[in-house]
PDB file of all heavy atoms in Angstrom:
ATOM      1  N   ASN A   1       3.221   4.499 -19.316  1.00  0.00           N
ATOM      2  CA  ASN A   1       4.045   4.084 -18.211  1.00  0.00           C
ATOM      3  C   ASN A   1       5.469   3.803 -18.678  1.00  0.00           C
ATOM      4  O   ASN A   1       5.612   3.181 -19.702  1.00  0.00           O
ATOM      5  CB  ASN A   1       3.479   2.850 -17.572  1.00  0.00           C
ATOM      6  CG  ASN A   1       4.129   2.493 -16.209  1.00  0.00           C
ATOM      7  OD1 ASN A   1       5.260   2.170 -16.231  1.00  0.00           O
ATOM      8  ND2 ASN A   1       3.405   2.574 -15.186  1.00  0.00           N
ATOM      9  N   SER A   2       6.462   4.278 -17.988  1.00  0.00           N
ATOM     10  CA  SER A   2       7.868   4.151 -18.382  1.00  0.00           C
ATOM     11  C   SER A   2       8.218   2.611 -18.489  1.00  0.00           C
ATOM     12  O   SER A   2       9.143   2.255 -19.312  1.00  0.00           O
ATOM     13  CB  SER A   2       8.754   4.760 -17.401  1.00  0.00           C
ATOM     14  OG  SER A   2       8.631   4.245 -16.087  1.00  0.00           O
ATOM     15  N   LEU A   3       7.616   1.713 -17.693  1.00  0.00           N
ATOM     16  CA  LEU A   3       7.906   0.364 -17.857  1.00  0.00           C
ATOM     17  C   LEU A   3       7.397  -0.340 -19.178  1.00  0.00           C
ATOM     18  O   LEU A   3       7.892  -1.442 -19.529  1.00  0.00           O
ATOM     19  CB  LEU A   3       7.338  -0.477 -16.687  1.00  0.00           C
ATOM     20  CG  LEU A   3       7.854  -0.076 -15.259  1.00  0.00           C
ATOM     21  CD1 LEU A   3       7.171  -0.871 -14.171  1.00  0.00           C
ATOM     22  CD2 LEU A   3       9.326  -0.326 -15.216  1.00  0.00           C
ATOM     23  N   SER A   4       6.524   0.330 -19.839  1.00  0.00           N
ATOM     24  CA  SER A   4       6.027  -0.223 -21.068  1.00  0.00           C
ATOM     25  C   SER A   4       7.008  -0.291 -22.192  1.00  0.00           C
ATOM     26  O   SER A   4       6.865  -1.105 -23.144  1.00  0.00           O
ATOM     27  CB  SER A   4       4.764   0.563 -21.583  1.00  0.00           C
ATOM     28  OG  SER A   4       5.151   1.765 -22.138  1.00  0.00           O
ATOM     29  N   ASN A   5       8.128   0.383 -22.052  1.00  0.00           N
ATOM     30  CA  ASN A   5       9.208   0.348 -23.077  1.00  0.00           C
ATOM     31  C   ASN A   5      10.101  -0.892 -22.939  1.00  0.00           C
ATOM     32  O   ASN A   5      10.907  -1.179 -23.790  1.00  0.00           O
ATOM     33  CB  ASN A   5      10.067   1.575 -22.933  1.00  0.00           C
ATOM     34  CG  ASN A   5       9.300   2.783 -23.334  1.00  0.00           C
ATOM     35  OD1 ASN A   5       8.458   2.805 -24.188  1.00  0.00           O
ATOM     36  ND2 ASN A   5       9.518   3.853 -22.622  1.00  0.00           N
ATOM     37  N   LYS A   6       9.996  -1.570 -21.819  1.00  0.00           N
ATOM     38  CA  LYS A   6      10.891  -2.775 -21.546  1.00  0.00           C
ATOM     39  C   LYS A   6      10.302  -3.942 -22.264  1.00  0.00           C
ATOM     40  O   LYS A   6       9.114  -4.145 -22.585  1.00  0.00           O
ATOM     41  CB  LYS A   6      10.954  -3.084 -20.072  1.00  0.00           C
ATOM     42  CG  LYS A   6      11.681  -1.976 -19.251  1.00  0.00           C
ATOM     43  CD  LYS A   6      11.700  -2.415 -17.779  1.00  0.00           C
ATOM     44  CE  LYS A   6      13.117  -2.074 -17.365  1.00  0.00           C
ATOM     45  NZ  LYS A   6      13.614  -2.844 -16.320  1.00  0.00           N
ATOM     46  N   SER A   7      11.198  -4.853 -22.665  1.00  0.00           N
ATOM     47  CA  SER A   7      10.747  -6.113 -23.326  1.00  0.00           C
ATOM     48  C   SER A   7      10.381  -7.209 -22.306  1.00  0.00           C
ATOM     49  O   SER A   7       9.635  -8.136 -22.642  1.00  0.00           O
ATOM     50  CB  SER A   7      11.913  -6.636 -24.239  1.00  0.00           C
ATOM     51  OG  SER A   7      13.041  -6.906 -23.498  1.00  0.00           O
ATOM     52  N   GLU A   8      10.832  -7.034 -21.026  1.00  0.00           N
ATOM     53  CA  GLU A   8      10.531  -7.977 -20.006  1.00  0.00           C
ATOM     54  C   GLU A   8      10.732  -7.283 -18.630  1.00  0.00           C
ATOM     55  O   GLU A   8      11.544  -6.388 -18.522  1.00  0.00           O
ATOM     56  CB  GLU A   8      11.491  -9.175 -20.168  1.00  0.00           C
ATOM     57  CG  GLU A   8      11.184 -10.324 -19.289  1.00  0.00           C
ATOM     58  CD  GLU A   8      12.099 -11.526 -19.504  1.00  0.00           C
ATOM     59  OE1 GLU A   8      13.290 -11.419 -19.216  1.00  0.00           O
ATOM     60  OE2 GLU A   8      11.622 -12.494 -20.161  1.00  0.00           O
ATOM     61  N   LEU A   9       9.920  -7.648 -17.688  1.00  0.00           N
ATOM     62  CA  LEU A   9       9.992  -7.015 -16.366  1.00  0.00           C
ATOM     63  C   LEU A   9      10.463  -8.031 -15.334  1.00  0.00           C
ATOM     64  O   LEU A   9      10.037  -9.141 -15.349  1.00  0.00           O
ATOM     65  CB  LEU A   9       8.661  -6.469 -15.949  1.00  0.00           C
ATOM     66  CG  LEU A   9       8.030  -5.344 -16.785  1.00  0.00           C
ATOM     67  CD1 LEU A   9       6.581  -5.095 -16.406  1.00  0.00           C
ATOM     68  CD2 LEU A   9       8.841  -4.128 -16.729  1.00  0.00           C
ATOM     69  N   SER A  10      11.207  -7.554 -14.420  1.00  0.00           N
ATOM     70  CA  SER A  10      11.611  -8.392 -13.267  1.00  0.00           C
ATOM     71  C   SER A  10      10.774  -8.081 -12.110  1.00  0.00           C
ATOM     72  O   SER A  10      10.000  -7.042 -12.116  1.00  0.00           O
ATOM     73  CB  SER A  10      13.081  -8.225 -12.939  1.00  0.00           C
ATOM     74  OG  SER A  10      13.305  -7.013 -12.239  1.00  0.00           O
ATOM     75  N   ILE A  11      10.844  -8.907 -11.118  1.00  0.00           N
ATOM     76  CA  ILE A  11       9.950  -8.713  -9.942  1.00  0.00           C
ATOM     77  C   ILE A  11      10.301  -7.409  -9.208  1.00  0.00           C
ATOM     78  O   ILE A  11       9.489  -6.868  -8.460  1.00  0.00           O
ATOM     79  CB  ILE A  11      10.066  -9.994  -9.057  1.00  0.00           C
ATOM     80  CG1 ILE A  11       8.871 -10.746  -9.243  1.00  0.00           C
ATOM     81  CG2 ILE A  11      10.442  -9.679  -7.661  1.00  0.00           C
ATOM     82  CD1 ILE A  11       8.264 -11.696  -8.684  1.00  0.00           C
ATOM     83  N   THR A  12      11.429  -6.876  -9.378  1.00  0.00           N
ATOM     84  CA  THR A  12      11.951  -5.735  -8.702  1.00  0.00           C
ATOM     85  C   THR A  12      11.754  -4.441  -9.498  1.00  0.00           C
ATOM     86  O   THR A  12      12.202  -3.376  -9.047  1.00  0.00           O
ATOM     87  CB  THR A  12      13.355  -5.853  -8.286  1.00  0.00           C
ATOM     88  OG1 THR A  12      14.215  -6.073  -9.479  1.00  0.00           O
ATOM     89  CG2 THR A  12      13.634  -6.935  -7.242  1.00  0.00           C
ATOM     90  N   ASP A  13      11.051  -4.418 -10.573  1.00  0.00           N
ATOM     91  CA  ASP A  13      10.905  -3.316 -11.454  1.00  0.00           C
ATOM     92  C   ASP A  13       9.718  -2.393 -11.110  1.00  0.00           C
ATOM     93  O   ASP A  13       9.524  -1.356 -11.753  1.00  0.00           O
ATOM     94  CB  ASP A  13      10.671  -3.716 -12.947  1.00  0.00           C
ATOM     95  CG  ASP A  13      11.952  -4.143 -13.622  1.00  0.00           C
ATOM     96  OD1 ASP A  13      13.032  -3.720 -13.220  1.00  0.00           O
ATOM     97  OD2 ASP A  13      11.840  -4.969 -14.566  1.00  0.00           O
ATOM     98  N   PHE A  14       8.999  -2.738 -10.050  1.00  0.00           N
ATOM     99  CA  PHE A  14       7.665  -2.050  -9.793  1.00  0.00           C
ATOM    100  C   PHE A  14       7.765  -0.939  -8.732  1.00  0.00           C
ATOM    101  O   PHE A  14       6.790  -0.407  -8.280  1.00  0.00           O
ATOM    102  CB  PHE A  14       6.663  -3.064  -9.439  1.00  0.00           C
ATOM    103  CG  PHE A  14       6.357  -3.988 -10.559  1.00  0.00           C
ATOM    104  CD1 PHE A  14       6.933  -5.281 -10.613  1.00  0.00           C
ATOM    105  CD2 PHE A  14       5.531  -3.632 -11.606  1.00  0.00           C
ATOM    106  CE1 PHE A  14       6.653  -6.160 -11.584  1.00  0.00           C
ATOM    107  CE2 PHE A  14       5.261  -4.529 -12.623  1.00  0.00           C
ATOM    108  CZ  PHE A  14       5.897  -5.731 -12.642  1.00  0.00           C
ATOM    109  N   THR A  15       9.010  -0.549  -8.282  1.00  0.00           N
ATOM    110  CA  THR A  15       9.172   0.485  -7.258  1.00  0.00           C
ATOM    111  C   THR A  15       8.488   1.761  -7.726  1.00  0.00           C
ATOM    112  O   THR A  15       8.529   2.202  -8.862  1.00  0.00           O
ATOM    113  CB  THR A  15      10.651   0.716  -7.015  1.00  0.00           C
ATOM    114  OG1 THR A  15      11.212  -0.444  -6.436  1.00  0.00           O
ATOM    115  CG2 THR A  15      10.858   1.871  -6.045  1.00  0.00           C
ATOM    116  N   LYS A  16       7.753   2.356  -6.829  1.00  0.00           N
ATOM    117  CA  LYS A  16       6.945   3.626  -6.982  1.00  0.00           C
ATOM    118  C   LYS A  16       5.911   3.497  -8.079  1.00  0.00           C
ATOM    119  O   LYS A  16       5.483   4.489  -8.619  1.00  0.00           O
ATOM    120  CB  LYS A  16       7.966   4.732  -7.343  1.00  0.00           C
ATOM    121  CG  LYS A  16       8.938   5.149  -6.242  1.00  0.00           C
ATOM    122  CD  LYS A  16       9.823   6.246  -6.621  1.00  0.00           C
ATOM    123  CE  LYS A  16      10.774   6.504  -5.543  1.00  0.00           C
ATOM    124  NZ  LYS A  16      11.746   7.599  -5.822  1.00  0.00           N
ATOM    125  N   GLN A  17       5.351   2.260  -8.293  1.00  0.00           N
ATOM    126  CA  GLN A  17       4.329   2.159  -9.265  1.00  0.00           C
ATOM    127  C   GLN A  17       2.928   1.947  -8.581  1.00  0.00           C
ATOM    128  O   GLN A  17       2.884   1.605  -7.386  1.00  0.00           O
ATOM    129  CB  GLN A  17       4.610   0.822 -10.090  1.00  0.00           C
ATOM    130  CG  GLN A  17       5.714   0.917 -11.021  1.00  0.00           C
ATOM    131  CD  GLN A  17       5.486   1.948 -12.188  1.00  0.00           C
ATOM    132  OE1 GLN A  17       4.438   2.096 -12.696  1.00  0.00           O
ATOM    133  NE2 GLN A  17       6.657   2.617 -12.538  1.00  0.00           N
ATOM    134  N   ASN A  18       1.870   2.233  -9.294  1.00  0.00           N
ATOM    135  CA  ASN A  18       0.605   1.949  -8.855  1.00  0.00           C
ATOM    136  C   ASN A  18       0.156   0.556  -9.395  1.00  0.00           C
ATOM    137  O   ASN A  18       0.068   0.474 -10.597  1.00  0.00           O
ATOM    138  CB  ASN A  18      -0.467   3.041  -9.314  1.00  0.00           C
ATOM    139  CG  ASN A  18      -0.160   4.362  -8.780  1.00  0.00           C
ATOM    140  OD1 ASN A  18       0.295   4.469  -7.638  1.00  0.00           O
ATOM    141  ND2 ASN A  18      -0.383   5.363  -9.546  1.00  0.00           N
ATOM    142  N   LEU A  19      -0.130  -0.338  -8.485  1.00  0.00           N
ATOM    143  CA  LEU A  19      -0.417  -1.707  -8.910  1.00  0.00           C
ATOM    144  C   LEU A  19      -1.872  -2.012  -8.611  1.00  0.00           C
ATOM    145  O   LEU A  19      -2.411  -1.548  -7.557  1.00  0.00           O
ATOM    146  CB  LEU A  19       0.508  -2.803  -8.237  1.00  0.00           C
ATOM    147  CG  LEU A  19       1.981  -2.602  -8.651  1.00  0.00           C
ATOM    148  CD1 LEU A  19       2.837  -3.592  -7.871  1.00  0.00           C
ATOM    149  CD2 LEU A  19       2.222  -2.803 -10.099  1.00  0.00           C
ATOM    150  N   ILE A  20      -2.468  -2.827  -9.462  1.00  0.00           N
ATOM    151  CA  ILE A  20      -3.851  -3.233  -9.273  1.00  0.00           C
ATOM    152  C   ILE A  20      -3.846  -4.722  -9.208  1.00  0.00           C
ATOM    153  O   ILE A  20      -3.569  -5.376 -10.260  1.00  0.00           O
ATOM    154  CB  ILE A  20      -4.769  -2.696 -10.424  1.00  0.00           C
ATOM    155  CG1 ILE A  20      -4.581  -1.138 -10.415  1.00  0.00           C
ATOM    156  CG2 ILE A  20      -6.182  -3.145 -10.284  1.00  0.00           C
ATOM    157  CD1 ILE A  20      -4.969  -0.540 -11.749  1.00  0.00           C
ATOM    158  N   PHE A  21      -4.223  -5.266  -8.110  1.00  0.00           N
ATOM    159  CA  PHE A  21      -4.203  -6.724  -7.881  1.00  0.00           C
ATOM    160  C   PHE A  21      -5.669  -7.232  -7.614  1.00  0.00           C
ATOM    161  O   PHE A  21      -6.493  -6.448  -7.027  1.00  0.00           O
ATOM    162  CB  PHE A  21      -3.365  -7.119  -6.632  1.00  0.00           C
ATOM    163  CG  PHE A  21      -1.884  -7.008  -6.933  1.00  0.00           C
ATOM    164  CD1 PHE A  21      -1.027  -6.764  -5.837  1.00  0.00           C
ATOM    165  CD2 PHE A  21      -1.338  -7.020  -8.151  1.00  0.00           C
ATOM    166  CE1 PHE A  21       0.322  -6.634  -6.009  1.00  0.00           C
ATOM    167  CE2 PHE A  21       0.041  -6.923  -8.323  1.00  0.00           C
ATOM    168  CZ  PHE A  21       0.834  -6.676  -7.269  1.00  0.00           C
ATOM    169  N   VAL A  22      -5.935  -8.426  -7.988  1.00  0.00           N
ATOM    170  CA  VAL A  22      -7.181  -9.086  -7.595  1.00  0.00           C
ATOM    171  C   VAL A  22      -7.076  -9.530  -6.159  1.00  0.00           C
ATOM    172  O   VAL A  22      -6.043 -10.042  -5.669  1.00  0.00           O
ATOM    173  CB  VAL A  22      -7.483 -10.243  -8.535  1.00  0.00           C
ATOM    174  CG1 VAL A  22      -8.767 -10.962  -8.041  1.00  0.00           C
ATOM    175  CG2 VAL A  22      -7.623  -9.801  -9.953  1.00  0.00           C
ATOM    176  N   ASP A  23      -8.175  -9.337  -5.371  1.00  0.00           N
ATOM    177  CA  ASP A  23      -8.162  -9.620  -3.957  1.00  0.00           C
ATOM    178  C   ASP A  23      -7.721 -11.031  -3.631  1.00  0.00           C
ATOM    179  O   ASP A  23      -8.070 -11.931  -4.430  1.00  0.00           O
ATOM    180  CB  ASP A  23      -9.522  -9.353  -3.363  1.00  0.00           C
ATOM    181  CG  ASP A  23      -9.634  -9.469  -1.911  1.00  0.00           C
ATOM    182  OD1 ASP A  23      -9.692 -10.618  -1.377  1.00  0.00           O
ATOM    183  OD2 ASP A  23      -9.694  -8.440  -1.253  1.00  0.00           O
ATOM    184  N   ASN A  24      -6.957 -11.291  -2.623  1.00  0.00           N
ATOM    185  CA  ASN A  24      -6.464 -12.605  -2.280  1.00  0.00           C
ATOM    186  C   ASN A  24      -7.538 -13.675  -2.073  1.00  0.00           C
ATOM    187  O   ASN A  24      -7.278 -14.857  -2.319  1.00  0.00           O
ATOM    188  CB  ASN A  24      -5.580 -12.569  -1.071  1.00  0.00           C
ATOM    189  CG  ASN A  24      -4.229 -11.901  -1.336  1.00  0.00           C
ATOM    190  OD1 ASN A  24      -3.865 -11.579  -2.448  1.00  0.00           O
ATOM    191  ND2 ASN A  24      -3.429 -11.632  -0.311  1.00  0.00           N
ATOM    192  N   ASP A  25      -8.727 -13.233  -1.701  1.00  0.00           N
ATOM    193  CA  ASP A  25      -9.789 -14.179  -1.474  1.00  0.00           C
ATOM    194  C   ASP A  25     -10.472 -14.587  -2.747  1.00  0.00           C
ATOM    195  O   ASP A  25     -11.273 -15.596  -2.831  1.00  0.00           O
ATOM    196  CB  ASP A  25     -10.904 -13.565  -0.610  1.00  0.00           C
ATOM    197  CG  ASP A  25     -10.449 -13.366   0.836  1.00  0.00           C
ATOM    198  OD1 ASP A  25      -9.482 -14.056   1.294  1.00  0.00           O
ATOM    199  OD2 ASP A  25     -11.028 -12.456   1.473  1.00  0.00           O
ATOM    200  N   LEU A  26     -10.064 -13.943  -3.899  1.00  0.00           N
ATOM    201  CA  LEU A  26     -10.742 -14.254  -5.201  1.00  0.00           C
ATOM    202  C   LEU A  26      -9.788 -14.681  -6.274  1.00  0.00           C
ATOM    203  O   LEU A  26     -10.109 -14.648  -7.486  1.00  0.00           O
ATOM    204  CB  LEU A  26     -11.500 -12.961  -5.673  1.00  0.00           C
ATOM    205  CG  LEU A  26     -12.433 -12.445  -4.665  1.00  0.00           C
ATOM    206  CD1 LEU A  26     -12.919 -11.002  -5.016  1.00  0.00           C
ATOM    207  CD2 LEU A  26     -13.618 -13.316  -4.489  1.00  0.00           C
ATOM    208  N   THR A  27      -8.565 -15.060  -5.925  1.00  0.00           N
ATOM    209  CA  THR A  27      -7.596 -15.534  -6.872  1.00  0.00           C
ATOM    210  C   THR A  27      -6.886 -16.781  -6.391  1.00  0.00           C
ATOM    211  O   THR A  27      -6.978 -17.183  -5.214  1.00  0.00           O
ATOM    212  CB  THR A  27      -6.598 -14.388  -7.273  1.00  0.00           C
ATOM    213  OG1 THR A  27      -5.832 -14.731  -8.383  1.00  0.00           O
ATOM    214  CG2 THR A  27      -5.649 -14.086  -6.156  1.00  0.00           C
ATOM    215  N   GLY A  28      -6.074 -17.379  -7.240  1.00  0.00           N
ATOM    216  CA  GLY A  28      -5.382 -18.581  -6.972  1.00  0.00           C
ATOM    217  C   GLY A  28      -4.091 -18.399  -6.102  1.00  0.00           C
ATOM    218  O   GLY A  28      -3.572 -17.269  -6.122  1.00  0.00           O
ATOM    219  N   ILE A  29      -3.675 -19.435  -5.478  1.00  0.00           N
ATOM    220  CA  ILE A  29      -2.504 -19.348  -4.612  1.00  0.00           C
ATOM    221  C   ILE A  29      -1.251 -18.848  -5.378  1.00  0.00           C
ATOM    222  O   ILE A  29      -0.396 -18.132  -4.887  1.00  0.00           O
ATOM    223  CB  ILE A  29      -2.253 -20.732  -3.943  1.00  0.00           C
ATOM    224  CG1 ILE A  29      -1.135 -20.529  -2.802  1.00  0.00           C
ATOM    225  CG2 ILE A  29      -1.818 -21.759  -4.839  1.00  0.00           C
ATOM    226  CD1 ILE A  29      -1.554 -19.617  -1.669  1.00  0.00           C
ATOM    227  N   GLU A  30      -1.088 -19.323  -6.680  1.00  0.00           N
ATOM    228  CA  GLU A  30       0.078 -18.850  -7.457  1.00  0.00           C
ATOM    229  C   GLU A  30       0.062 -17.306  -7.600  1.00  0.00           C
ATOM    230  O   GLU A  30       1.099 -16.697  -7.459  1.00  0.00           O
ATOM    231  CB  GLU A  30       0.086 -19.563  -8.781  1.00  0.00           C
ATOM    232  CG  GLU A  30       0.235 -21.012  -8.768  1.00  0.00           C
ATOM    233  CD  GLU A  30      -1.087 -21.771  -8.827  1.00  0.00           C
ATOM    234  OE1 GLU A  30      -2.111 -21.098  -8.664  1.00  0.00           O
ATOM    235  OE2 GLU A  30      -1.016 -22.952  -9.009  1.00  0.00           O
ATOM    236  N   MET A  31      -1.095 -16.795  -7.864  1.00  0.00           N
ATOM    237  CA  MET A  31      -1.196 -15.316  -8.105  1.00  0.00           C
ATOM    238  C   MET A  31      -0.999 -14.557  -6.742  1.00  0.00           C
ATOM    239  O   MET A  31      -0.334 -13.540  -6.721  1.00  0.00           O
ATOM    240  CB  MET A  31      -2.506 -14.966  -8.681  1.00  0.00           C
ATOM    241  CG  MET A  31      -2.559 -13.450  -9.105  1.00  0.00           C
ATOM    242  SD  MET A  31      -1.284 -12.989 -10.279  1.00  0.00           S
ATOM    243  CE  MET A  31      -1.819 -13.761 -11.729  1.00  0.00           C
ATOM    244  N   ILE A  32      -1.545 -15.143  -5.651  1.00  0.00           N
ATOM    245  CA  ILE A  32      -1.264 -14.540  -4.357  1.00  0.00           C
ATOM    246  C   ILE A  32       0.217 -14.480  -4.054  1.00  0.00           C
ATOM    247  O   ILE A  32       0.714 -13.535  -3.566  1.00  0.00           O
ATOM    248  CB  ILE A  32      -1.999 -15.343  -3.242  1.00  0.00           C
ATOM    249  CG1 ILE A  32      -3.572 -15.191  -3.410  1.00  0.00           C
ATOM    250  CG2 ILE A  32      -1.631 -14.894  -1.831  1.00  0.00           C
ATOM    251  CD1 ILE A  32      -4.346 -16.150  -2.664  1.00  0.00           C
ATOM    252  N   ASN A  33       0.890 -15.602  -4.344  1.00  0.00           N
ATOM    253  CA  ASN A  33       2.323 -15.664  -4.038  1.00  0.00           C
ATOM    254  C   ASN A  33       3.122 -14.643  -4.883  1.00  0.00           C
ATOM    255  O   ASN A  33       4.061 -14.008  -4.403  1.00  0.00           O
ATOM    256  CB  ASN A  33       2.921 -17.043  -4.277  1.00  0.00           C
ATOM    257  CG  ASN A  33       2.440 -18.030  -3.225  1.00  0.00           C
ATOM    258  OD1 ASN A  33       2.051 -17.724  -2.094  1.00  0.00           O
ATOM    259  ND2 ASN A  33       2.414 -19.335  -3.527  1.00  0.00           N
TER     260      ASN A  33
END
C-alpha cells in the first residue's frame, strides 16, 4: 500500500482506500468516533 511509506498518517490520508473496521456494536466509543 502506498501509505505504508509514510512515517505518520493524518485522518485525511485514506481517500480511495479499502478500510476494514470492527462493527460499531462490537467496539468502544473512541474507536467508533
